[in-house]
Amino acid sequence: MNDGELDPVIHAQARLRVVATLSAMPNRASITFPRLQKLLDMTAGNLSTHLRKLEDAGYVTQTKTIEGRSPVTYVALTPAGLAAFERYTAQIRSLIDPSGEPA
């Protein structure tokens, strides 16, 4: 990826929504897959596909565990994912206002 090129992993609308949501979690906490699915109003299959791409890029982690007798998957943004999202948003800001001056 070139310096001026937007990150293609994050640039896809659905993945941008996922990363933006995870970056807004208090203290970078994890969230359960069903809760994230509900927040984003995505199907399980669609969300899984996008999470896999983000995980392959090292931007999110998925932790599978058992609570009681039920399997639960937690999703969290990694430090690399947060850094990539911050770079992405800075690039978008510079495209909107190349002077960098506040409105």
N, C-alpha and C. Protein backbone atom coordinates (compact mmCIF):
# COMPACT_ATOMS: atom_id res chain seq x y z
N MET A 1 0.85 -1.18 0.00
CA MET A 1 0.00 0.00 0.00
C MET A 1 0.89 1.24 0.00
N ASN A 2 0.62 2.17 -0.91
CA ASN A 2 1.37 3.42 -0.97
C ASN A 2 0.96 4.33 0.18
N ASP A 3 1.82 5.31 0.48
CA ASP A 3 1.53 6.22 1.58
C ASP A 3 0.19 6.93 1.42
N GLY A 4 -0.15 7.36 0.19
CA GLY A 4 -1.38 8.11 -0.02
C GLY A 4 -2.59 7.24 -0.30
N GLU A 5 -2.40 5.94 -0.38
CA GLU A 5 -3.48 5.01 -0.71
C GLU A 5 -4.27 4.64 0.53
N LEU A 6 -5.60 4.70 0.42
CA LEU A 6 -6.45 4.29 1.53
C LEU A 6 -6.34 2.78 1.72
N ASP A 7 -6.33 2.36 2.96
CA ASP A 7 -6.22 0.94 3.30
C ASP A 7 -7.41 0.18 2.71
N PRO A 8 -7.19 -0.70 1.73
CA PRO A 8 -8.31 -1.40 1.10
C PRO A 8 -9.03 -2.36 2.05
N VAL A 9 -8.36 -2.83 3.08
CA VAL A 9 -9.02 -3.72 4.04
C VAL A 9 -10.09 -2.95 4.81
N ILE A 10 -9.76 -1.75 5.24
CA ILE A 10 -10.70 -0.94 6.02
C ILE A 10 -11.68 -0.19 5.12
N HIS A 11 -11.28 0.14 3.91
CA HIS A 11 -12.08 1.00 3.05
C HIS A 11 -13.43 0.39 2.66
N ALA A 12 -13.55 -0.91 2.63
CA ALA A 12 -14.83 -1.54 2.32
C ALA A 12 -15.84 -1.11 3.39
N GLN A 13 -17.02 -0.68 2.95
CA GLN A 13 -17.99 -0.09 3.86
C GLN A 13 -18.29 -0.94 5.09
N ALA A 14 -18.55 -2.21 4.89
CA ALA A 14 -18.90 -3.08 6.02
C ALA A 14 -17.74 -3.19 7.01
N ARG A 15 -16.52 -3.34 6.50
CA ARG A 15 -15.37 -3.46 7.39
C ARG A 15 -15.06 -2.14 8.09
N LEU A 16 -15.30 -1.04 7.40
CA LEU A 16 -15.14 0.27 8.04
C LEU A 16 -16.10 0.41 9.21
N ARG A 17 -17.33 -0.03 9.04
CA ARG A 17 -18.31 0.01 10.13
C ARG A 17 -17.87 -0.86 11.30
N VAL A 18 -17.33 -2.04 11.00
CA VAL A 18 -16.86 -2.94 12.05
C VAL A 18 -15.73 -2.29 12.84
N VAL A 19 -14.72 -1.78 12.12
CA VAL A 19 -13.55 -1.19 12.79
C VAL A 19 -13.95 0.06 13.57
N ALA A 20 -14.81 0.89 13.00
CA ALA A 20 -15.26 2.10 13.70
C ALA A 20 -16.01 1.74 14.98
N THR A 21 -16.84 0.74 14.91
CA THR A 21 -17.59 0.30 16.10
C THR A 21 -16.65 -0.24 17.17
N LEU A 22 -15.72 -1.09 16.76
CA LEU A 22 -14.79 -1.66 17.74
C LEU A 22 -13.88 -0.59 18.33
N SER A 23 -13.51 0.42 17.55
CA SER A 23 -12.64 1.48 18.06
C SER A 23 -13.35 2.34 19.09
N ALA A 24 -14.68 2.35 19.04
CA ALA A 24 -15.47 3.16 19.98
C ALA A 24 -15.77 2.42 21.28
N MET A 25 -15.38 1.17 21.39
CA MET A 25 -15.63 0.40 22.61
C MET A 25 -14.82 1.00 23.76
N PRO A 26 -15.43 1.17 24.92
CA PRO A 26 -14.69 1.72 26.07
C PRO A 26 -13.48 0.84 26.40
N ASN A 27 -12.34 1.46 26.60
CA ASN A 27 -11.10 0.76 26.95
C ASN A 27 -10.74 -0.35 25.96
N ARG A 28 -11.17 -0.19 24.71
CA ARG A 28 -10.90 -1.18 23.66
C ARG A 28 -11.38 -2.57 24.06
N ALA A 29 -12.48 -2.61 24.77
CA ALA A 29 -13.04 -3.87 25.24
C ALA A 29 -13.51 -4.72 24.07
N SER A 30 -13.65 -5.99 24.32
CA SER A 30 -14.19 -6.89 23.30
C SER A 30 -15.72 -6.87 23.39
N ILE A 31 -16.33 -7.37 22.34
CA ILE A 31 -17.79 -7.42 22.26
C ILE A 31 -18.17 -8.80 21.73
N THR A 32 -19.30 -9.31 22.16
CA THR A 32 -19.71 -10.62 21.65
C THR A 32 -20.14 -10.49 20.19
N PHE A 33 -19.95 -11.56 19.46
CA PHE A 33 -20.33 -11.59 18.05
C PHE A 33 -21.80 -11.22 17.86
N PRO A 34 -22.75 -11.82 18.63
CA PRO A 34 -24.15 -11.47 18.41
C PRO A 34 -24.45 -9.99 18.69
N ARG A 35 -23.79 -9.42 19.69
CA ARG A 35 -24.01 -7.99 19.99
C ARG A 35 -23.48 -7.12 18.85
N LEU A 36 -22.31 -7.44 18.33
CA LEU A 36 -21.75 -6.69 17.20
C LEU A 36 -22.66 -6.84 15.97
N GLN A 37 -23.13 -8.05 15.75
CA GLN A 37 -24.03 -8.32 14.63
C GLN A 37 -25.29 -7.46 14.73
N LYS A 38 -25.84 -7.37 15.93
CA LYS A 38 -27.06 -6.57 16.14
C LYS A 38 -26.78 -5.08 15.96
N LEU A 39 -25.65 -4.60 16.53
CA LEU A 39 -25.30 -3.18 16.39
C LEU A 39 -25.14 -2.77 14.93
N LEU A 40 -24.54 -3.66 14.14
CA LEU A 40 -24.26 -3.34 12.74
C LEU A 40 -25.39 -3.75 11.80
N ASP A 41 -26.37 -4.48 12.32
CA ASP A 41 -27.49 -4.97 11.52
C ASP A 41 -26.98 -5.73 10.29
N MET A 42 -26.10 -6.70 10.55
CA MET A 42 -25.54 -7.53 9.49
C MET A 42 -25.92 -8.98 9.73
N THR A 43 -25.96 -9.75 8.66
CA THR A 43 -26.19 -11.18 8.83
C THR A 43 -24.94 -11.81 9.44
N ALA A 44 -25.12 -12.96 10.07
CA ALA A 44 -23.98 -13.65 10.68
C ALA A 44 -22.93 -14.01 9.63
N GLY A 45 -23.38 -14.48 8.47
CA GLY A 45 -22.45 -14.86 7.42
C GLY A 45 -21.66 -13.68 6.88
N ASN A 46 -22.34 -12.57 6.66
CA ASN A 46 -21.69 -11.37 6.15
C ASN A 46 -20.67 -10.85 7.17
N LEU A 47 -21.07 -10.77 8.43
CA LEU A 47 -20.16 -10.29 9.46
C LEU A 47 -18.96 -11.23 9.59
N SER A 48 -19.19 -12.52 9.56
CA SER A 48 -18.10 -13.50 9.65
C SER A 48 -17.08 -13.32 8.53
N THR A 49 -17.58 -13.10 7.32
CA THR A 49 -16.69 -12.91 6.17
C THR A 49 -15.81 -11.68 6.36
N HIS A 50 -16.40 -10.58 6.79
CA HIS A 50 -15.64 -9.35 6.98
C HIS A 50 -14.68 -9.46 8.17
N LEU A 51 -15.11 -10.13 9.22
CA LEU A 51 -14.22 -10.32 10.37
C LEU A 51 -13.01 -11.18 9.98
N ARG A 52 -13.23 -12.16 9.13
CA ARG A 52 -12.12 -13.01 8.68
C ARG A 52 -11.08 -12.18 7.93
N LYS A 53 -11.53 -11.28 7.06
CA LYS A 53 -10.59 -10.42 6.32
C LYS A 53 -9.85 -9.49 7.27
N LEU A 54 -10.55 -8.94 8.25
CA LEU A 54 -9.90 -8.07 9.24
C LEU A 54 -8.93 -8.86 10.10
N GLU A 55 -9.30 -10.08 10.45
CA GLU A 55 -8.42 -10.93 11.26
C GLU A 55 -7.17 -11.33 10.46
N ASP A 56 -7.36 -11.65 9.18
CA ASP A 56 -6.22 -12.00 8.33
C ASP A 56 -5.22 -10.84 8.22
N ALA A 57 -5.73 -9.60 8.29
CA ALA A 57 -4.88 -8.41 8.22
C ALA A 57 -4.27 -8.07 9.58
N GLY A 58 -4.70 -8.79 10.63
CA GLY A 58 -4.19 -8.52 11.97
C GLY A 58 -4.88 -7.37 12.67
N TYR A 59 -6.06 -6.98 12.16
CA TYR A 59 -6.77 -5.82 12.71
C TYR A 59 -7.75 -6.17 13.82
N VAL A 60 -8.23 -7.40 13.85
CA VAL A 60 -9.13 -7.83 14.92
C VAL A 60 -8.71 -9.21 15.42
N THR A 61 -9.15 -9.53 16.63
CA THR A 61 -9.00 -10.88 17.15
C THR A 61 -10.39 -11.41 17.44
N GLN A 62 -10.54 -12.71 17.28
CA GLN A 62 -11.77 -13.39 17.67
C GLN A 62 -11.38 -14.47 18.68
N THR A 63 -11.97 -14.38 19.85
CA THR A 63 -11.67 -15.33 20.92
C THR A 63 -12.91 -16.16 21.18
N LYS A 64 -12.77 -17.46 20.99
CA LYS A 64 -13.90 -18.36 21.22
C LYS A 64 -13.74 -19.01 22.59
N THR A 65 -14.83 -19.01 23.34
CA THR A 65 -14.81 -19.57 24.69
C THR A 65 -16.15 -20.23 24.97
N ILE A 66 -16.25 -20.84 26.12
CA ILE A 66 -17.50 -21.45 26.57
C ILE A 66 -17.95 -20.73 27.83
N GLU A 67 -19.19 -20.28 27.83
CA GLU A 67 -19.78 -19.69 29.03
C GLU A 67 -20.98 -20.54 29.40
N GLY A 68 -20.89 -21.14 30.58
CA GLY A 68 -21.89 -22.14 30.93
C GLY A 68 -21.70 -23.31 30.00
N ARG A 69 -22.71 -23.59 29.21
CA ARG A 69 -22.59 -24.66 28.22
C ARG A 69 -22.67 -24.14 26.79
N SER A 70 -22.60 -22.82 26.66
CA SER A 70 -22.77 -22.23 25.34
C SER A 70 -21.46 -21.63 24.82
N PRO A 71 -21.17 -21.84 23.54
CA PRO A 71 -19.99 -21.21 22.94
C PRO A 71 -20.25 -19.72 22.74
N VAL A 72 -19.23 -18.91 22.99
CA VAL A 72 -19.33 -17.46 22.82
C VAL A 72 -18.07 -16.99 22.09
N THR A 73 -18.26 -16.11 21.12
CA THR A 73 -17.13 -15.53 20.40
C THR A 73 -17.06 -14.05 20.74
N TYR A 74 -15.88 -13.63 21.20
CA TYR A 74 -15.62 -12.22 21.48
C TYR A 74 -14.76 -11.65 20.37
N VAL A 75 -15.06 -10.42 19.98
CA VAL A 75 -14.33 -9.73 18.92
C VAL A 75 -13.73 -8.47 19.51
N ALA A 76 -12.46 -8.20 19.17
CA ALA A 76 -11.80 -6.98 19.66
C ALA A 76 -10.87 -6.44 18.58
N LEU A 77 -10.67 -5.13 18.62
CA LEU A 77 -9.73 -4.47 17.74
C LEU A 77 -8.33 -4.64 18.31
N THR A 78 -7.36 -4.97 17.48
CA THR A 78 -5.97 -5.11 17.93
C THR A 78 -5.29 -3.74 17.91
N PRO A 79 -4.14 -3.61 18.57
CA PRO A 79 -3.39 -2.34 18.45
C PRO A 79 -3.07 -2.00 16.98
N ALA A 80 -2.75 -3.01 16.18
CA ALA A 80 -2.49 -2.77 14.76
C ALA A 80 -3.75 -2.29 14.04
N GLY A 81 -4.89 -2.85 14.43
CA GLY A 81 -6.16 -2.42 13.85
C GLY A 81 -6.50 -0.99 14.22
N LEU A 82 -6.25 -0.63 15.46
CA LEU A 82 -6.50 0.74 15.90
C LEU A 82 -5.58 1.71 15.15
N ALA A 83 -4.31 1.35 15.02
CA ALA A 83 -3.36 2.21 14.29
C ALA A 83 -3.78 2.37 12.83
N ALA A 84 -4.22 1.28 12.20
CA ALA A 84 -4.67 1.34 10.81
C ALA A 84 -5.90 2.22 10.68
N PHE A 85 -6.83 2.11 11.62
CA PHE A 85 -8.04 2.94 11.60
C PHE A 85 -7.68 4.41 11.80
N GLU A 86 -6.76 4.70 12.68
CA GLU A 86 -6.35 6.09 12.91
C GLU A 86 -5.66 6.66 11.66
N ARG A 87 -4.83 5.86 10.99
CA ARG A 87 -4.20 6.29 9.73
C ARG A 87 -5.27 6.56 8.67
N TYR A 88 -6.21 5.65 8.59
CA TYR A 88 -7.30 5.77 7.61
C TYR A 88 -8.10 7.04 7.84
N THR A 89 -8.49 7.29 9.08
CA THR A 89 -9.30 8.49 9.36
C THR A 89 -8.48 9.77 9.13
N ALA A 90 -7.20 9.73 9.42
CA ALA A 90 -6.35 10.91 9.15
C ALA A 90 -6.27 11.16 7.64
N GLN A 91 -6.16 10.09 6.86
CA GLN A 91 -6.12 10.25 5.40
C GLN A 91 -7.44 10.82 4.88
N ILE A 92 -8.55 10.34 5.40
CA ILE A 92 -9.86 10.86 4.98
C ILE A 92 -9.97 12.34 5.33
N ARG A 93 -9.55 12.70 6.55
CA ARG A 93 -9.58 14.12 6.95
C ARG A 93 -8.74 14.98 6.01
N SER A 94 -7.57 14.49 5.63
CA SER A 94 -6.71 15.28 4.75
C SER A 94 -7.30 15.40 3.35
N LEU A 95 -8.08 14.42 2.91
CA LEU A 95 -8.76 14.52 1.62
C LEU A 95 -9.88 15.55 1.67
N ILE A 96 -10.57 15.59 2.81
CA ILE A 96 -11.68 16.53 2.97
C ILE A 96 -11.16 17.95 3.12
N ASP A 97 -10.09 18.12 3.90
CA ASP A 97 -9.52 19.45 4.15
C ASP A 97 -8.01 19.36 4.08
N PRO A 98 -7.44 19.47 2.88
CA PRO A 98 -5.99 19.34 2.73
C PRO A 98 -5.19 20.36 3.53
N SER A 99 -5.80 21.51 3.87
CA SER A 99 -5.06 22.52 4.65
C SER A 99 -4.91 22.12 6.09
N GLY A 100 -5.78 21.21 6.56
CA GLY A 100 -5.73 20.75 7.95
C GLY A 100 -6.24 21.77 8.94
N GLU A 101 -6.86 22.84 8.45
CA GLU A 101 -7.38 23.88 9.35
C GLU A 101 -8.76 23.51 9.85
N PRO A 102 -9.06 23.80 11.12
CA PRO A 102 -10.40 23.51 11.63
C PRO A 102 -11.44 24.39 10.93
N ALA A 103 -12.64 23.90 10.81
CA ALA A 103 -13.72 24.63 10.14
C ALA A 103 -14.20 25.80 10.95
